[in-house]
């Protein structure tokens, strides 16, 4: 895919629960990637969002299942919406992801990486900042 990923967001985040070790969880309830501008007929039906290995002492859960720090995991971003008039396509995953620290992820079309990001969070005076 030669089109550029213009915008990616992670939204609907929840802060406040505790892990088994007492660490705070950062919960991501929705991933989405918007591709714009693009030729809608030429974009794929899905992308793969791959979570890279976590650091030691960092917990990761996907859909309430604990993931080993030595494992890489992936989620499917399904094509959810397109707008021919504005040449935009949106890909979405509603899998629940919880981490106790930052998480690094990459987005792939087949075996080609099209985007990578690192998501980190911290508490500032009792609120969550991204």
C-alpha atoms as a PDB file:
ATOM      1  CA  UNK A   1       0.000   0.000   0.000  1.00  0.00           C
ATOM      2  CA  UNK A   2       1.613   3.218  -1.120  1.00  0.00           C
ATOM      3  CA  UNK A   3      -0.856   5.584   0.527  1.00  0.00           C
ATOM      4  CA  UNK A   4       0.296   7.437   3.604  1.00  0.00           C
ATOM      5  CA  UNK A   5      -1.237   6.867   7.013  1.00  0.00           C
ATOM      6  CA  UNK A   6      -2.348  10.371   7.864  1.00  0.00           C
ATOM      7  CA  UNK A   7      -3.790   9.885  11.295  1.00  0.00           C
ATOM      8  CA  UNK A   8      -3.898   7.224  13.965  1.00  0.00           C
ATOM      9  CA  UNK A   9      -5.487   7.489  17.368  1.00  0.00           C
ATOM     10  CA  UNK A  10      -6.050   5.438  20.419  1.00  0.00           C
ATOM     11  CA  UNK A  11      -9.165   6.467  22.271  1.00  0.00           C
ATOM     12  CA  UNK A  12     -11.500   5.345  25.047  1.00  0.00           C
ATOM     13  CA  UNK A  13      -8.790   4.815  27.614  1.00  0.00           C
ATOM     14  CA  UNK A  14      -9.541   3.850  31.173  1.00  0.00           C
ATOM     15  CA  UNK A  15      -7.246   4.406  34.123  1.00  0.00           C
ATOM     16  CA  UNK A  16      -7.634   3.213  37.656  1.00  0.00           C
ATOM     17  CA  UNK A  17      -7.609  -0.562  38.119  1.00  0.00           C
ATOM     18  CA  UNK A  18      -4.650  -2.419  39.636  1.00  0.00           C
ATOM     19  CA  UNK A  19      -2.602  -5.359  38.315  1.00  0.00           C
ATOM     20  CA  UNK A  20      -1.723  -8.441  40.389  1.00  0.00           C
ATOM     21  CA  UNK A  21       1.497  -6.713  41.498  1.00  0.00           C
ATOM     22  CA  UNK A  22      -0.400  -3.563  42.490  1.00  0.00           C
ATOM     23  CA  UNK A  23       0.619  -1.541  39.417  1.00  0.00           C
ATOM     24  CA  UNK A  24      -1.946   0.712  37.740  1.00  0.00           C
ATOM     25  CA  UNK A  25      -3.417  -0.569  34.470  1.00  0.00           C
ATOM     26  CA  UNK A  26      -3.761   1.542  31.337  1.00  0.00           C
ATOM     27  CA  UNK A  27      -6.701   0.157  29.358  1.00  0.00           C
ATOM     28  CA  UNK A  28      -7.184   0.768  25.636  1.00  0.00           C
ATOM     29  CA  UNK A  29     -10.677  -0.103  24.461  1.00  0.00           C
ATOM     30  CA  UNK A  30     -10.489   1.044  20.853  1.00  0.00           C
ATOM     31  CA  UNK A  31      -7.694   1.296  18.291  1.00  0.00           C
ATOM     32  CA  UNK A  32      -8.344   2.997  15.019  1.00  0.00           C
ATOM     33  CA  UNK A  33      -6.309   3.979  12.004  1.00  0.00           C
ATOM     34  CA  UNK A  34      -7.567   6.388   9.380  1.00  0.00           C
ATOM     35  CA  UNK A  35      -6.048   6.306   5.895  1.00  0.00           C
ATOM     36  CA  UNK A  36      -6.488   9.490   3.885  1.00  0.00           C
ATOM     37  CA  UNK A  37      -6.291  10.363   1.081  1.00  0.00           C
ATOM     38  CA  UNK A  38      -6.449   6.982  -0.645  1.00  0.00           C
ATOM     39  CA  UNK A  39      -7.945   5.144  -3.586  1.00  0.00           C
ATOM     40  CA  UNK A  40     -10.666   3.314  -1.696  1.00  0.00           C
ATOM     41  CA  UNK A  41     -10.864   0.400  -4.135  1.00  0.00           C
ATOM     42  CA  UNK A  42      -7.159  -0.347  -3.639  1.00  0.00           C
ATOM     43  CA  UNK A  43      -6.906  -0.474   0.173  1.00  0.00           C
ATOM     44  CA  UNK A  44      -7.046  -3.820   2.018  1.00  0.00           C
ATOM     45  CA  UNK A  45      -9.969  -5.172   4.055  1.00  0.00           C
ATOM     46  CA  UNK A  46      -7.843  -5.286   7.195  1.00  0.00           C
ATOM     47  CA  UNK A  47      -4.495  -4.481   8.769  1.00  0.00           C
ATOM     48  CA  UNK A  48      -2.694  -6.358  11.524  1.00  0.00           C
ATOM     49  CA  UNK A  49      -1.757  -4.439  14.655  1.00  0.00           C
ATOM     50  CA  UNK A  50       1.154  -6.229  16.318  1.00  0.00           C
ATOM     51  CA  UNK A  51       2.183  -5.590  19.901  1.00  0.00           C
ATOM     52  CA  UNK A  52       5.894  -6.009  20.320  1.00  0.00           C
ATOM     53  CA  UNK A  53       7.553  -7.661  23.266  1.00  0.00           C
ATOM     54  CA  UNK A  54       7.065  -5.922  26.572  1.00  0.00           C
ATOM     55  CA  UNK A  55       9.775  -4.980  28.979  1.00  0.00           C
ATOM     56  CA  UNK A  56      10.342  -7.193  31.984  1.00  0.00           C
ATOM     57  CA  UNK A  57       8.037  -6.250  34.879  1.00  0.00           C
ATOM     58  CA  UNK A  58       5.427  -4.890  32.449  1.00  0.00           C
ATOM     59  CA  UNK A  59       2.103  -6.702  32.328  1.00  0.00           C
ATOM     60  CA  UNK A  60       0.058  -6.967  29.130  1.00  0.00           C
ATOM     61  CA  UNK A  61      -3.453  -8.395  28.763  1.00  0.00           C
ATOM     62  CA  UNK A  62      -5.523  -8.723  25.612  1.00  0.00           C
ATOM     63  CA  UNK A  63      -9.216  -9.408  26.161  1.00  0.00           C
ATOM     64  CA  UNK A  64      -8.473 -10.295  29.807  1.00  0.00           C
ATOM     65  CA  UNK A  65      -5.842 -12.903  28.824  1.00  0.00           C
ATOM     66  CA  UNK A  66      -2.334 -12.335  30.175  1.00  0.00           C
ATOM     67  CA  UNK A  67       0.407 -12.247  27.524  1.00  0.00           C
ATOM     68  CA  UNK A  68       3.917 -13.434  28.359  1.00  0.00           C
ATOM     69  CA  UNK A  69       6.627 -10.760  28.151  1.00  0.00           C
ATOM     70  CA  UNK A  70       8.500 -12.956  25.664  1.00  0.00           C
ATOM     71  CA  UNK A  71       5.571 -13.180  23.215  1.00  0.00           C
ATOM     72  CA  UNK A  72       4.547 -10.869  20.410  1.00  0.00           C
ATOM     73  CA  UNK A  73       0.802 -10.650  19.884  1.00  0.00           C
ATOM     74  CA  UNK A  74      -1.448  -9.208  17.222  1.00  0.00           C
ATOM     75  CA  UNK A  75      -4.944  -7.853  16.676  1.00  0.00           C
ATOM     76  CA  UNK A  76      -6.878  -7.402  13.472  1.00  0.00           C
ATOM     77  CA  UNK A  77      -7.868  -3.885  12.443  1.00  0.00           C
ATOM     78  CA  UNK A  78     -10.973  -4.386  10.322  1.00  0.00           C
ATOM     79  CA  UNK A  79     -12.111  -1.981   7.667  1.00  0.00           C
ATOM     80  CA  UNK A  80     -15.015  -0.265   9.365  1.00  0.00           C
ATOM     81  CA  UNK A  81     -15.864   2.824   7.374  1.00  0.00           C
ATOM     82  CA  UNK A  82     -15.038   4.515   4.095  1.00  0.00           C
ATOM     83  CA  UNK A  83     -15.980   7.777   2.458  1.00  0.00           C
ATOM     84  CA  UNK A  84     -15.514   7.932  -1.299  1.00  0.00           C
ATOM     85  CA  UNK A  85     -16.158  11.661  -1.377  1.00  0.00           C
ATOM     86  CA  UNK A  86     -13.263  12.484   0.968  1.00  0.00           C
ATOM     87  CA  UNK A  87     -11.149   9.413  -0.025  1.00  0.00           C
ATOM     88  CA  UNK A  88     -10.861   8.164   3.571  1.00  0.00           C
ATOM     89  CA  UNK A  89     -10.931   4.692   5.092  1.00  0.00           C
ATOM     90  CA  UNK A  90     -11.070   3.791   8.785  1.00  0.00           C
ATOM     91  CA  UNK A  91      -9.813   0.550  10.365  1.00  0.00           C
ATOM     92  CA  UNK A  92     -10.911  -0.437  13.886  1.00  0.00           C
ATOM     93  CA  UNK A  93     -10.218  -2.965  16.630  1.00  0.00           C
ATOM     94  CA  UNK A  94     -12.372  -3.086  19.750  1.00  0.00           C
ATOM     95  CA  UNK A  95     -10.246  -5.685  21.544  1.00  0.00           C
ATOM     96  CA  UNK A  96      -9.424  -4.648  25.093  1.00  0.00           C
ATOM     97  CA  UNK A  97      -5.702  -4.100  25.743  1.00  0.00           C
ATOM     98  CA  UNK A  98      -4.371  -3.432  29.245  1.00  0.00           C
ATOM     99  CA  UNK A  99      -0.753  -2.592  30.097  1.00  0.00           C
ATOM    100  CA  UNK A 100       1.067  -1.426  33.204  1.00  0.00           C
ATOM    101  CA  UNK A 101       3.500   0.732  31.231  1.00  0.00           C
ATOM    102  CA  UNK A 102       3.999   1.951  27.685  1.00  0.00           C
ATOM    103  CA  UNK A 103       3.411  -0.346  24.724  1.00  0.00           C
ATOM    104  CA  UNK A 104       5.050  -0.421  21.313  1.00  0.00           C
ATOM    105  CA  UNK A 105       3.037  -1.538  18.302  1.00  0.00           C
ATOM    106  CA  UNK A 106       3.302  -1.802  14.538  1.00  0.00           C
ATOM    107  CA  UNK A 107       0.622  -1.895  11.843  1.00  0.00           C
ATOM    108  CA  UNK A 108       1.086  -4.277   8.906  1.00  0.00           C
ATOM    109  CA  UNK A 109      -0.515  -4.940   5.564  1.00  0.00           C
ATOM    110  CA  UNK A 110       0.429  -8.574   4.976  1.00  0.00           C
ATOM    111  CA  UNK A 111       4.182  -8.569   5.736  1.00  0.00           C
ATOM    112  CA  UNK A 112       4.754  -4.872   5.053  1.00  0.00           C
ATOM    113  CA  UNK A 113       4.912  -2.498   8.009  1.00  0.00           C
ATOM    114  CA  UNK A 114       2.939   0.669   7.280  1.00  0.00           C
ATOM    115  CA  UNK A 115       3.141   2.373  10.689  1.00  0.00           C
ATOM    116  CA  UNK A 116       4.732   2.032  14.107  1.00  0.00           C
ATOM    117  CA  UNK A 117       4.000   3.843  17.354  1.00  0.00           C
ATOM    118  CA  UNK A 118       4.921   3.825  21.009  1.00  0.00           C
ATOM    119  CA  UNK A 119       2.186   4.643  23.482  1.00  0.00           C
ATOM    120  CA  UNK A 120       3.265   5.777  26.897  1.00  0.00           C
ATOM    121  CA  UNK A 121       1.305   7.138  29.826  1.00  0.00           C
ATOM    122  CA  UNK A 122       2.013   8.695  33.166  1.00  0.00           C
ATOM    123  CA  UNK A 123       0.095  10.112  36.080  1.00  0.00           C
ATOM    124  CA  UNK A 124       0.249  13.854  36.659  1.00  0.00           C
ATOM    125  CA  UNK A 125      -1.352  15.147  39.865  1.00  0.00           C
ATOM    126  CA  UNK A 126      -3.830  12.250  39.948  1.00  0.00           C
ATOM    127  CA  UNK A 127      -4.946  12.454  36.314  1.00  0.00           C
ATOM    128  CA  UNK A 128      -3.783  10.562  33.268  1.00  0.00           C
ATOM    129  CA  UNK A 129      -1.766  12.270  30.539  1.00  0.00           C
ATOM    130  CA  UNK A 130      -0.875  10.897  27.092  1.00  0.00           C
END
